Structure formats: structure tokens, C-alpha cells
Protein backbone atom coordinates (compact mmCIF):
# COMPACT_ATOMS: atom_id res chain seq x y z
CA MET A 1 -39.29 155.38 108.06
CA ASN A 2 -40.38 157.22 105.05
CA VAL A 3 -43.59 157.89 106.37
CA ALA A 4 -42.35 159.83 109.57
CA VAL A 5 -40.56 161.56 107.06
CA LEU A 6 -43.09 162.31 104.83
CA LEU A 7 -45.11 163.48 107.80
CA LEU A 8 -42.59 165.51 109.51
CA ALA A 9 -41.82 167.54 105.86
CA ILE A 10 -45.70 167.69 105.60
CA ALA A 11 -45.95 168.95 109.53
CA LEU A 12 -42.94 171.79 108.31
CA VAL A 13 -44.07 173.32 105.26
CA ILE A 14 -47.45 173.84 106.93
CA VAL A 15 -46.08 175.46 109.66
CA MET A 16 -43.99 177.77 107.45
CA ALA A 17 -46.96 178.46 105.51
CA VAL A 18 -48.70 179.48 108.92
CA LEU A 19 -45.45 181.64 110.12
CA ALA A 20 -45.81 183.46 106.38
CA ALA A 21 -49.20 183.85 106.73
CA LEU A 22 -49.22 185.74 110.22
CA GLY A 23 -46.24 187.52 108.68
CA ALA A 24 -48.07 188.75 105.99
CA GLY A 25 -51.49 189.71 107.95
CA LYS A 26 -48.97 191.36 110.44
CA LEU A 27 -47.60 193.58 107.82
CA ALA A 28 -50.48 194.23 106.46
CA ARG A 29 -52.24 195.53 109.54
CA LEU A 30 -48.68 198.05 110.51
CA ASP A 31 -49.60 198.95 106.82
CA GLY A 32 -53.03 200.64 107.64
CA ALA A 33 -55.19 197.55 106.29
CA SER A 34 -58.06 196.79 107.99
CA TYR A 35 -58.79 193.71 109.61
CA PRO A 36 -60.55 191.73 106.22
CA THR A 37 -57.82 193.18 104.25
CA ALA A 38 -55.30 191.78 106.47
CA LEU A 39 -56.83 188.55 106.94
CA THR A 40 -57.27 187.87 102.68
CA ARG A 41 -53.39 189.05 102.46
CA ALA A 42 -52.48 186.30 104.95
CA ALA A 43 -54.60 183.75 103.12
CA VAL A 44 -53.55 184.85 99.89
CA THR A 45 -50.00 184.05 101.26
CA PHE A 46 -50.95 180.77 102.64
CA ALA A 47 -51.98 179.19 99.64
CA ALA A 48 -49.37 180.37 97.59
CA VAL A 49 -47.04 178.74 100.18
CA ILE A 50 -48.82 175.86 100.00
CA THR A 51 -49.14 175.55 96.18
CA LEU A 52 -45.12 176.27 95.64
CA ALA A 53 -44.40 173.64 98.07
CA CYS A 54 -46.72 171.15 95.67
CA THR A 55 -45.27 172.28 92.87
CA ALA A 56 -41.85 171.88 93.89
CA ALA A 57 -42.69 168.02 95.29
CA SER A 58 -44.31 167.52 92.40
CA ALA A 59 -40.93 168.27 90.53
CA LEU A 60 -38.58 166.69 92.47
CA PRO A 61 -39.32 163.52 91.36
CA ALA A 62 -38.45 164.57 87.33
CA LEU A 63 -35.55 166.20 88.81
CA LEU A 64 -34.29 162.87 90.55
CA HIS A 65 -34.35 160.83 87.83
């Protein structure tokens, strides 16, 4: 049961990171950025969401005790 919840949480974080990256890339293109610049902004957004999720996950056990 715990493994299934963990895998679902990981999948949810990845889906949210991809959606945020797609949004950032689309907004960059609408702003007039070139494709490489839009791709870079999307990659930075994806990495930021994954980093934020990892930071929150590592801080969670300390908050629960």
C-alpha cells in the first residue's frame, strides 16, 4: 500500500512539473521568445518544480515529528 501511494505521488509531481513547463514554454513563445529560449525557460521551470517537491518531501518528516 505504501509503495503504491509513493508511486502515485511521484507520478503526480512529474505530471505537475510537465504541465508547469509546458505553460512556461507556451507563455515564452507568446511573449516572442525564440524556440531555444522557450525550451530553456520550460526546462528551468521543470527543474524548479522537481527541486521544490524534493525539498518539501525532505522537510516533511521533520514537521510531522
